[in-house]
Amino acid sequence: MKKILAKDRKIRKEIKKLEKKRFILKSIQNNSNFCNLVRLNTFYKLSDLPSSSSKSLISNRCVETINKKKFTNLANFSRIVFLKLIKAGSLYGMRRYYW
């Protein structure tokens, strides 16, 4: 599990580092006001960026079990852990009928 967490941290750090550059290059590439040569050059610069800086590599994971399936956006827990916390009364103000 430690390897998965370390890998996830590394990916998120790489994405954060190149996020602004990728956004600028994509906006130039999609803007039709620029000439075709400039847009083509931005396409080549985008292809030179490492593929590990793509946002599609990020997957939300449960904080407790590192499971990425059945993840709830309401909290950073998987559905099973979320239900256990609610049944135990650890989450204040939450009852089963809220979702």
PDB file of N, CA and C in Angstrom:
ATOM      1  N   MET A   1       0.814  -1.201   0.000  1.00  0.00           N
ATOM      2  CA  MET A   1       0.000   0.000   0.000  1.00  0.00           C
ATOM      3  C   MET A   1       0.852   1.257   0.000  1.00  0.00           C
ATOM      4  N   LYS A   2       2.009   1.169   0.630  1.00  0.00           N
ATOM      5  CA  LYS A   2       2.879   2.342   0.675  1.00  0.00           C
ATOM      6  C   LYS A   2       3.384   2.692  -0.716  1.00  0.00           C
ATOM      7  N   LYS A   3       3.609   1.662  -1.543  1.00  0.00           N
ATOM      8  CA  LYS A   3       4.059   1.912  -2.906  1.00  0.00           C
ATOM      9  C   LYS A   3       2.974   2.628  -3.711  1.00  0.00           C
ATOM     10  N   ILE A   4       1.734   2.214  -3.511  1.00  0.00           N
ATOM     11  CA  ILE A   4       0.621   2.836  -4.230  1.00  0.00           C
ATOM     12  C   ILE A   4       0.480   4.295  -3.828  1.00  0.00           C
ATOM     13  N   LEU A   5       0.581   4.569  -2.527  1.00  0.00           N
ATOM     14  CA  LEU A   5       0.488   5.948  -2.052  1.00  0.00           C
ATOM     15  C   LEU A   5       1.647   6.800  -2.568  1.00  0.00           C
ATOM     16  N   ALA A   6       2.847   6.239  -2.558  1.00  0.00           N
ATOM     17  CA  ALA A   6       4.011   6.982  -3.045  1.00  0.00           C
ATOM     18  C   ALA A   6       3.886   7.265  -4.536  1.00  0.00           C
ATOM     19  N   LYS A   7       3.416   6.288  -5.289  1.00  0.00           N
ATOM     20  CA  LYS A   7       3.229   6.467  -6.730  1.00  0.00           C
ATOM     21  C   LYS A   7       2.169   7.523  -7.005  1.00  0.00           C
ATOM     22  N   ASP A   8       1.069   7.489  -6.235  1.00  0.00           N
ATOM     23  CA  ASP A   8       0.001   8.465  -6.405  1.00  0.00           C
ATOM     24  C   ASP A   8       0.492   9.877  -6.083  1.00  0.00           C
ATOM     25  N   ARG A   9       1.264  10.008  -5.009  1.00  0.00           N
ATOM     26  CA  ARG A   9       1.831  11.315  -4.652  1.00  0.00           C
ATOM     27  C   ARG A   9       2.756  11.846  -5.738  1.00  0.00           C
ATOM     28  N   LYS A  10       3.574  10.948  -6.289  1.00  0.00           N
ATOM     29  CA  LYS A  10       4.510  11.329  -7.335  1.00  0.00           C
ATOM     30  C   LYS A  10       3.773  11.798  -8.589  1.00  0.00           C
ATOM     31  N   ILE A  11       2.720  11.091  -8.974  1.00  0.00           N
ATOM     32  CA  ILE A  11       1.927  11.467 -10.151  1.00  0.00           C
ATOM     33  C   ILE A  11       1.264  12.812  -9.936  1.00  0.00           C
ATOM     34  N   ARG A  12       0.663  13.007  -8.772  1.00  0.00           N
ATOM     35  CA  ARG A  12      -0.010  14.280  -8.487  1.00  0.00           C
ATOM     36  C   ARG A  12       0.979  15.452  -8.478  1.00  0.00           C
ATOM     37  N   LYS A  13       2.177  15.222  -7.982  1.00  0.00           N
ATOM     38  CA  LYS A  13       3.203  16.269  -7.959  1.00  0.00           C
ATOM     39  C   LYS A  13       3.627  16.635  -9.379  1.00  0.00           C
ATOM     40  N   GLU A  14       3.806  15.643 -10.227  1.00  0.00           N
ATOM     41  CA  GLU A  14       4.197  15.867 -11.621  1.00  0.00           C
ATOM     42  C   GLU A  14       3.103  16.620 -12.376  1.00  0.00           C
ATOM     43  N   ILE A  15       1.867  16.243 -12.132  1.00  0.00           N
ATOM     44  CA  ILE A  15       0.736  16.904 -12.804  1.00  0.00           C
ATOM     45  C   ILE A  15       0.635  18.350 -12.367  1.00  0.00           C
ATOM     46  N   LYS A  16       0.801  18.601 -11.082  1.00  0.00           N
ATOM     47  CA  LYS A  16       0.717  19.962 -10.569  1.00  0.00           C
ATOM     48  C   LYS A  16       1.822  20.840 -11.143  1.00  0.00           C
ATOM     49  N   LYS A  17       2.995  20.242 -11.351  1.00  0.00           N
ATOM     50  CA  LYS A  17       4.128  20.998 -11.853  1.00  0.00           C
ATOM     51  C   LYS A  17       3.907  21.455 -13.306  1.00  0.00           C
ATOM     52  N   LEU A  18       3.307  20.605 -14.123  1.00  0.00           N
ATOM     53  CA  LEU A  18       3.153  20.906 -15.542  1.00  0.00           C
ATOM     54  C   LEU A  18       1.729  21.292 -15.945  1.00  0.00           C
ATOM     55  N   GLU A  19       0.843  21.459 -14.961  1.00  0.00           N
ATOM     56  CA  GLU A  19      -0.559  21.740 -15.267  1.00  0.00           C
ATOM     57  C   GLU A  19      -0.744  23.075 -15.993  1.00  0.00           C
ATOM     58  N   LYS A  20      -0.073  24.115 -15.519  1.00  0.00           N
ATOM     59  CA  LYS A  20      -0.225  25.440 -16.120  1.00  0.00           C
ATOM     60  C   LYS A  20       0.316  25.472 -17.546  1.00  0.00           C
ATOM     61  N   LYS A  21       1.470  24.856 -17.747  1.00  0.00           N
ATOM     62  CA  LYS A  21       2.078  24.829 -19.078  1.00  0.00           C
ATOM     63  C   LYS A  21       1.182  24.081 -20.067  1.00  0.00           C
ATOM     64  N   ARG A  22       0.651  22.947 -19.642  1.00  0.00           N
ATOM     65  CA  ARG A  22      -0.230  22.153 -20.501  1.00  0.00           C
ATOM     66  C   ARG A  22      -1.498  22.930 -20.846  1.00  0.00           C
ATOM     67  N   PHE A  23      -2.052  23.643 -19.862  1.00  0.00           N
ATOM     68  CA  PHE A  23      -3.276  24.417 -20.095  1.00  0.00           C
ATOM     69  C   PHE A  23      -3.029  25.535 -21.112  1.00  0.00           C
ATOM     70  N   ILE A  24      -1.907  26.232 -20.983  1.00  0.00           N
ATOM     71  CA  ILE A  24      -1.588  27.326 -21.912  1.00  0.00           C
ATOM     72  C   ILE A  24      -1.393  26.786 -23.320  1.00  0.00           C
ATOM     73  N   LEU A  25      -0.652  25.696 -23.444  1.00  0.00           N
ATOM     74  CA  LEU A  25      -0.413  25.123 -24.768  1.00  0.00           C
ATOM     75  C   LEU A  25      -1.708  24.627 -25.417  1.00  0.00           C
ATOM     76  N   LYS A  26      -2.582  24.023 -24.619  1.00  0.00           N
ATOM     77  CA  LYS A  26      -3.851  23.548 -25.169  1.00  0.00           C
ATOM     78  C   LYS A  26      -4.751  24.696 -25.599  1.00  0.00           C
ATOM     79  N   SER A  27      -4.747  25.784 -24.832  1.00  0.00           N
ATOM     80  CA  SER A  27      -5.585  26.917 -25.200  1.00  0.00           C
ATOM     81  C   SER A  27      -5.065  27.591 -26.473  1.00  0.00           C
ATOM     82  N   ILE A  28      -3.750  27.642 -26.658  1.00  0.00           N
ATOM     83  CA  ILE A  28      -3.189  28.190 -27.898  1.00  0.00           C
ATOM     84  C   ILE A  28      -3.518  27.273 -29.076  1.00  0.00           C
ATOM     85  N   GLN A  29      -3.415  25.983 -28.854  1.00  0.00           N
ATOM     86  CA  GLN A  29      -3.675  25.032 -29.924  1.00  0.00           C
ATOM     87  C   GLN A  29      -5.133  25.072 -30.383  1.00  0.00           C
ATOM     88  N   ASN A  30      -6.059  25.285 -29.476  1.00  0.00           N
ATOM     89  CA  ASN A  30      -7.474  25.284 -29.826  1.00  0.00           C
ATOM     90  C   ASN A  30      -7.986  26.638 -30.287  1.00  0.00           C
ATOM     91  N   ASN A  31      -7.179  27.687 -30.147  1.00  0.00           N
ATOM     92  CA  ASN A  31      -7.595  29.030 -30.527  1.00  0.00           C
ATOM     93  C   ASN A  31      -7.371  29.225 -32.029  1.00  0.00           C
ATOM     94  N   SER A  32      -8.425  29.539 -32.741  1.00  0.00           N
ATOM     95  CA  SER A  32      -8.312  29.686 -34.196  1.00  0.00           C
ATOM     96  C   SER A  32      -7.781  31.055 -34.604  1.00  0.00           C
ATOM     97  N   ASN A  33      -7.597  31.980 -33.667  1.00  0.00           N
ATOM     98  CA  ASN A  33      -7.062  33.302 -33.986  1.00  0.00           C
ATOM     99  C   ASN A  33      -5.565  33.269 -34.282  1.00  0.00           C
ATOM    100  N   PHE A  34      -4.862  32.261 -33.777  1.00  0.00           N
ATOM    101  CA  PHE A  34      -3.436  32.128 -34.057  1.00  0.00           C
ATOM    102  C   PHE A  34      -3.241  31.517 -35.439  1.00  0.00           C
ATOM    103  N   CYS A  35      -2.085  31.798 -36.033  1.00  0.00           N
ATOM    104  CA  CYS A  35      -1.804  31.221 -37.352  1.00  0.00           C
ATOM    105  C   CYS A  35      -1.517  29.724 -37.197  1.00  0.00           C
ATOM    106  N   ASN A  36      -1.610  29.030 -38.294  1.00  0.00           N
ATOM    107  CA  ASN A  36      -1.470  27.570 -38.262  1.00  0.00           C
ATOM    108  C   ASN A  36      -0.080  27.116 -37.840  1.00  0.00           C
ATOM    109  N   LEU A  37       0.927  27.890 -38.173  1.00  0.00           N
ATOM    110  CA  LEU A  37       2.289  27.518 -37.803  1.00  0.00           C
ATOM    111  C   LEU A  37       2.485  27.539 -36.285  1.00  0.00           C
ATOM    112  N   VAL A  38       1.943  28.550 -35.639  1.00  0.00           N
ATOM    113  CA  VAL A  38       2.041  28.650 -34.175  1.00  0.00           C
ATOM    114  C   VAL A  38       1.279  27.499 -33.525  1.00  0.00           C
ATOM    115  N   ARG A  39       0.113  27.199 -34.050  1.00  0.00           N
ATOM    116  CA  ARG A  39      -0.695  26.110 -33.495  1.00  0.00           C
ATOM    117  C   ARG A  39      -0.012  24.759 -33.694  1.00  0.00           C
ATOM    118  N   LEU A  40       0.630  24.594 -34.812  1.00  0.00           N
ATOM    119  CA  LEU A  40       1.351  23.352 -35.072  1.00  0.00           C
ATOM    120  C   LEU A  40       2.539  23.197 -34.126  1.00  0.00           C
ATOM    121  N   ASN A  41       3.250  24.291 -33.885  1.00  0.00           N
ATOM    122  CA  ASN A  41       4.382  24.246 -32.946  1.00  0.00           C
ATOM    123  C   ASN A  41       3.918  23.911 -31.532  1.00  0.00           C
ATOM    124  N   THR A  42       2.772  24.448 -31.119  1.00  0.00           N
ATOM    125  CA  THR A  42       2.264  24.112 -29.781  1.00  0.00           C
ATOM    126  C   THR A  42       1.857  22.645 -29.713  1.00  0.00           C
ATOM    127  N   PHE A  43       1.373  22.107 -30.831  1.00  0.00           N
ATOM    128  CA  PHE A  43       1.047  20.679 -30.866  1.00  0.00           C
ATOM    129  C   PHE A  43       2.297  19.835 -30.617  1.00  0.00           C
ATOM    130  N   TYR A  44       3.411  20.207 -31.244  1.00  0.00           N
ATOM    131  CA  TYR A  44       4.655  19.474 -31.041  1.00  0.00           C
ATOM    132  C   TYR A  44       5.178  19.633 -29.610  1.00  0.00           C
ATOM    133  N   LYS A  45       5.019  20.819 -29.050  1.00  0.00           N
ATOM    134  CA  LYS A  45       5.450  21.023 -27.659  1.00  0.00           C
ATOM    135  C   LYS A  45       4.596  20.206 -26.695  1.00  0.00           C
ATOM    136  N   LEU A  46       3.312  20.101 -26.998  1.00  0.00           N
ATOM    137  CA  LEU A  46       2.426  19.287 -26.161  1.00  0.00           C
ATOM    138  C   LEU A  46       2.807  17.815 -26.244  1.00  0.00           C
ATOM    139  N   SER A  47       3.172  17.366 -27.416  1.00  0.00           N
ATOM    140  CA  SER A  47       3.541  15.957 -27.561  1.00  0.00           C
ATOM    141  C   SER A  47       4.875  15.651 -26.893  1.00  0.00           C
ATOM    142  N   ASP A  48       5.713  16.675 -26.707  1.00  0.00           N
ATOM    143  CA  ASP A  48       6.991  16.482 -26.022  1.00  0.00           C
ATOM    144  C   ASP A  48       6.846  16.401 -24.507  1.00  0.00           C
ATOM    145  N   LEU A  49       5.729  16.883 -23.967  1.00  0.00           N
ATOM    146  CA  LEU A  49       5.521  16.794 -22.520  1.00  0.00           C
ATOM    147  C   LEU A  49       5.377  15.332 -22.116  1.00  0.00           C
ATOM    148  N   PRO A  50       5.832  14.978 -20.924  1.00  0.00           N
ATOM    149  CA  PRO A  50       5.713  13.574 -20.505  1.00  0.00           C
ATOM    150  C   PRO A  50       4.256  13.170 -20.321  1.00  0.00           C
ATOM    151  N   SER A  51       3.969  11.936 -20.654  1.00  0.00           N
ATOM    152  CA  SER A  51       2.587  11.458 -20.545  1.00  0.00           C
ATOM    153  C   SER A  51       2.156  11.315 -19.085  1.00  0.00           C
ATOM    154  N   SER A  52       3.115  11.302 -18.173  1.00  0.00           N
ATOM    155  CA  SER A  52       2.775  11.195 -16.750  1.00  0.00           C
ATOM    156  C   SER A  52       2.215  12.495 -16.190  1.00  0.00           C
ATOM    157  N   SER A  53       2.189  13.547 -16.996  1.00  0.00           N
ATOM    158  CA  SER A  53       1.639  14.813 -16.524  1.00  0.00           C
ATOM    159  C   SER A  53       0.185  15.000 -16.952  1.00  0.00           C
ATOM    160  N   SER A  54      -0.439  13.938 -17.433  1.00  0.00           N
ATOM    161  CA  SER A  54      -1.828  14.013 -17.869  1.00  0.00           C
ATOM    162  C   SER A  54      -2.769  13.812 -16.686  1.00  0.00           C
ATOM    163  N   LYS A  55      -3.856  14.589 -16.654  1.00  0.00           N
ATOM    164  CA  LYS A  55      -4.800  14.516 -15.536  1.00  0.00           C
ATOM    165  C   LYS A  55      -5.578  13.210 -15.505  1.00  0.00           C
ATOM    166  N   SER A  56      -5.615  12.505 -16.611  1.00  0.00           N
ATOM    167  CA  SER A  56      -6.382  11.261 -16.654  1.00  0.00           C
ATOM    168  C   SER A  56      -5.743  10.160 -15.807  1.00  0.00           C
ATOM    169  N   LEU A  57      -4.521  10.346 -15.367  1.00  0.00           N
ATOM    170  CA  LEU A  57      -3.857   9.357 -14.526  1.00  0.00           C
ATOM    171  C   LEU A  57      -4.293   9.428 -13.069  1.00  0.00           C
ATOM    172  N   ILE A  58      -4.888  10.546 -12.678  1.00  0.00           N
ATOM    173  CA  ILE A  58      -5.310  10.697 -11.283  1.00  0.00           C
ATOM    174  C   ILE A  58      -6.563   9.861 -11.041  1.00  0.00           C
ATOM    175  N   SER A  59      -6.549   9.098  -9.973  1.00  0.00           N
ATOM    176  CA  SER A  59      -7.746   8.371  -9.572  1.00  0.00           C
ATOM    177  C   SER A  59      -7.969   8.629  -8.092  1.00  0.00           C
ATOM    178  N   ASN A  60      -9.195   8.921  -7.723  1.00  0.00           N
ATOM    179  CA  ASN A  60      -9.524   9.155  -6.327  1.00  0.00           C
ATOM    180  C   ASN A  60      -9.490   7.826  -5.572  1.00  0.00           C
ATOM    181  N   ARG A  61      -8.887   7.849  -4.404  1.00  0.00           N
ATOM    182  CA  ARG A  61      -8.767   6.645  -3.595  1.00  0.00           C
ATOM    183  C   ARG A  61      -9.266   6.898  -2.176  1.00  0.00           C
ATOM    184  N   CYS A  62      -9.723   5.822  -1.551  1.00  0.00           N
ATOM    185  CA  CYS A  62     -10.160   5.887  -0.162  1.00  0.00           C
ATOM    186  C   CYS A  62      -8.952   6.166   0.720  1.00  0.00           C
ATOM    187  N   VAL A  63      -9.126   7.014   1.704  1.00  0.00           N
ATOM    188  CA  VAL A  63      -8.033   7.378   2.598  1.00  0.00           C
ATOM    189  C   VAL A  63      -7.627   6.201   3.475  1.00  0.00           C
ATOM    190  N   GLU A  64      -8.588   5.396   3.854  1.00  0.00           N
ATOM    191  CA  GLU A  64      -8.321   4.332   4.807  1.00  0.00           C
ATOM    192  C   GLU A  64      -7.893   3.019   4.144  1.00  0.00           C
ATOM    193  N   THR A  65      -8.575   2.630   3.072  1.00  0.00           N
ATOM    194  CA  THR A  65      -8.316   1.323   2.470  1.00  0.00           C
ATOM    195  C   THR A  65      -7.562   1.391   1.152  1.00  0.00           C
ATOM    196  N   ILE A  66      -7.294   2.569   0.619  1.00  0.00           N
ATOM    197  CA  ILE A  66      -6.606   2.793  -0.647  1.00  0.00           C
ATOM    198  C   ILE A  66      -7.374   2.162  -1.809  1.00  0.00           C
ATOM    199  N   ASN A  67      -8.651   1.920  -1.630  1.00  0.00           N
ATOM    200  CA  ASN A  67      -9.485   1.333  -2.672  1.00  0.00           C
ATOM    201  C   ASN A  67     -10.007   2.438  -3.582  1.00  0.00           C
ATOM    202  N   LYS A  68      -9.939   2.234  -4.904  1.00  0.00           N
ATOM    203  CA  LYS A  68     -10.447   3.268  -5.792  1.00  0.00           C
ATOM    204  C   LYS A  68     -11.825   2.935  -6.342  1.00  0.00           C
ATOM    205  N   LYS A  69     -12.323   1.746  -6.039  1.00  0.00           N
ATOM    206  CA  LYS A  69     -13.672   1.382  -6.446  1.00  0.00           C
ATOM    207  C   LYS A  69     -14.658   1.807  -5.368  1.00  0.00           C
ATOM    208  N   LYS A  70     -15.853   2.097  -5.768  1.00  0.00           N
ATOM    209  CA  LYS A  70     -16.932   2.477  -4.846  1.00  0.00           C
ATOM    210  C   LYS A  70     -16.542   3.669  -3.984  1.00  0.00           C
ATOM    211  N   PHE A  71     -15.916   4.643  -4.593  1.00  0.00           N
ATOM    212  CA  PHE A  71     -15.460   5.849  -3.905  1.00  0.00           C
ATOM    213  C   PHE A  71     -16.586   6.873  -3.887  1.00  0.00           C
ATOM    214  N   THR A  72     -16.840   7.492  -2.732  1.00  0.00           N
ATOM    215  CA  THR A  72     -17.879   8.512  -2.644  1.00  0.00           C
ATOM    216  C   THR A  72     -17.257   9.892  -2.733  1.00  0.00           C
ATOM    217  N   ASN A  73     -17.914  10.786  -3.425  1.00  0.00           N
ATOM    218  CA  ASN A  73     -17.416  12.151  -3.523  1.00  0.00           C
ATOM    219  C   ASN A  73     -17.835  12.987  -2.319  1.00  0.00           C
ATOM    220  N   LEU A  74     -18.729  12.453  -1.510  1.00  0.00           N
ATOM    221  CA  LEU A  74     -19.178  13.156  -0.317  1.00  0.00           C
ATOM    222  C   LEU A  74     -18.055  13.249   0.718  1.00  0.00           C
ATOM    223  N   ALA A  75     -17.261  12.202   0.814  1.00  0.00           N
ATOM    224  CA  ALA A  75     -16.110  12.175   1.720  1.00  0.00           C
ATOM    225  C   ALA A  75     -15.002  11.410   1.018  1.00  0.00           C
ATOM    226  N   ASN A  76     -13.825  11.441   1.557  1.00  0.00           N
ATOM    227  CA  ASN A  76     -12.709  10.739   0.923  1.00  0.00           C
ATOM    228  C   ASN A  76     -12.595   9.299   1.399  1.00  0.00           C
ATOM    229  N   PHE A  77     -13.729   8.628   1.491  1.00  0.00           N
ATOM    230  CA  PHE A  77     -13.774   7.240   1.924  1.00  0.00           C
ATOM    231  C   PHE A  77     -14.518   6.405   0.895  1.00  0.00           C
ATOM    232  N   SER A  78     -14.227   5.105   0.898  1.00  0.00           N
ATOM    233  CA  SER A  78     -15.016   4.210   0.074  1.00  0.00           C
ATOM    234  C   SER A  78     -16.387   4.044   0.737  1.00  0.00           C
ATOM    235  N   ARG A  79     -17.316   3.498  -0.006  1.00  0.00           N
ATOM    236  CA  ARG A  79     -18.693   3.394   0.479  1.00  0.00           C
ATOM    237  C   ARG A  79     -18.772   2.527   1.733  1.00  0.00           C
ATOM    238  N   ILE A  80     -18.019   1.456   1.769  1.00  0.00           N
ATOM    239  CA  ILE A  80     -18.072   0.531   2.905  1.00  0.00           C
ATOM    240  C   ILE A  80     -17.522   1.182   4.172  1.00  0.00           C
ATOM    241  N   VAL A  81     -16.402   1.845   4.069  1.00  0.00           N
ATOM    242  CA  VAL A  81     -15.801   2.528   5.229  1.00  0.00           C
ATOM    243  C   VAL A  81     -16.714   3.661   5.684  1.00  0.00           C
ATOM    244  N   PHE A  82     -17.313   4.359   4.717  1.00  0.00           N
ATOM    245  CA  PHE A  82     -18.219   5.457   5.031  1.00  0.00           C
ATOM    246  C   PHE A  82     -19.417   4.954   5.848  1.00  0.00           C
ATOM    247  N   LEU A  83     -19.983   3.812   5.437  1.00  0.00           N
ATOM    248  CA  LEU A  83     -21.106   3.231   6.184  1.00  0.00           C
ATOM    249  C   LEU A  83     -20.680   2.811   7.588  1.00  0.00           C
ATOM    250  N   LYS A  84     -19.493   2.231   7.722  1.00  0.00           N
ATOM    251  CA  LYS A  84     -19.002   1.818   9.039  1.00  0.00           C
ATOM    252  C   LYS A  84     -18.834   3.019   9.968  1.00  0.00           C
ATOM    253  N   LEU A  85     -18.308   4.122   9.432  1.00  0.00           N
ATOM    254  CA  LEU A  85     -18.125   5.324  10.245  1.00  0.00           C
ATOM    255  C   LEU A  85     -19.460   5.906  10.686  1.00  0.00           C
ATOM    256  N   ILE A  86     -20.439   5.865   9.817  1.00  0.00           N
ATOM    257  CA  ILE A  86     -21.754   6.404  10.170  1.00  0.00           C
ATOM    258  C   ILE A  86     -22.424   5.522  11.223  1.00  0.00           C
ATOM    259  N   LYS A  87     -22.337   4.214  11.039  1.00  0.00           N
ATOM    260  CA  LYS A  87     -22.946   3.301  12.019  1.00  0.00           C
ATOM    261  C   LYS A  87     -22.281   3.420  13.384  1.00  0.00           C
ATOM    262  N   ALA A  88     -20.983   3.696  13.384  1.00  0.00           N
ATOM    263  CA  ALA A  88     -20.264   3.849  14.652  1.00  0.00           C
ATOM    264  C   ALA A  88     -20.527   5.210  15.284  1.00  0.00           C
ATOM    265  N   GLY A  89     -21.101   6.136  14.520  1.00  0.00           N
ATOM    266  CA  GLY A  89     -21.390   7.467  15.038  1.00  0.00           C
ATOM    267  C   GLY A  89     -20.197   8.404  14.996  1.00  0.00           C
ATOM    268  N   SER A  90     -19.205   8.075  14.183  1.00  0.00           N
ATOM    269  CA  SER A  90     -18.000   8.906  14.104  1.00  0.00           C
ATOM    270  C   SER A  90     -18.225  10.199  13.329  1.00  0.00           C
ATOM    271  N   LEU A  91     -19.146  10.164  12.391  1.00  0.00           N
ATOM    272  CA  LEU A  91     -19.453  11.351  11.595  1.00  0.00           C
ATOM    273  C   LEU A  91     -20.700  12.019  12.156  1.00  0.00           C
ATOM    274  N   TYR A  92     -20.521  13.196  12.671  1.00  0.00           N
ATOM    275  CA  TYR A  92     -21.612  13.901  13.332  1.00  0.00           C
ATOM    276  C   TYR A  92     -22.639  14.390  12.309  1.00  0.00           C
ATOM    277  N   GLY A  93     -23.906  14.162  12.590  1.00  0.00           N
ATOM    278  CA  GLY A  93     -24.988  14.690  11.764  1.00  0.00           C
ATOM    279  C   GLY A  93     -25.319  13.861  10.547  1.00  0.00           C
ATOM    280  N   MET A  94     -24.657  12.735  10.362  1.00  0.00           N
ATOM    281  CA  MET A  94     -24.926  11.905   9.186  1.00  0.00           C
ATOM    282  C   MET A  94     -25.773  10.707   9.585  1.00  0.00           C
ATOM    283  N   ARG A  95     -26.795  10.475   8.814  1.00  0.00           N
ATOM    284  CA  ARG A  95     -27.614   9.282   8.985  1.00  0.00           C
ATOM    285  C   ARG A  95     -27.742   8.597   7.631  1.00  0.00           C
ATOM    286  N   ARG A  96     -28.217   7.390   7.629  1.00  0.00           N
ATOM    287  CA  ARG A  96     -28.238   6.595   6.408  1.00  0.00           C
ATOM    288  C   ARG A  96     -29.086   7.207   5.303  1.00  0.00           C
ATOM    289  N   TYR A  97     -30.117   7.935   5.612  1.00  0.00           N
ATOM    290  CA  TYR A  97     -31.023   8.440   4.574  1.00  0.00           C
ATOM    291  C   TYR A  97     -30.478   9.671   3.843  1.00  0.00           C
ATOM    292  N   TYR A  98     -29.263  10.111   4.114  1.00  0.00           N
ATOM    293  CA  TYR A  98     -28.712  11.275   3.451  1.00  0.00           C
ATOM    294  C   TYR A  98     -28.228  10.971   2.038  1.00  0.00           C
ATOM    295  N   TRP A  99     -27.989   9.744   1.716  1.00  0.00           N
ATOM    296  CA  TRP A  99     -27.575   9.433   0.354  1.00  0.00           C
ATOM    297  C   TRP A  99     -28.493   8.444  -0.216  1.00  0.00           C
TER     298      TRP A  99
END
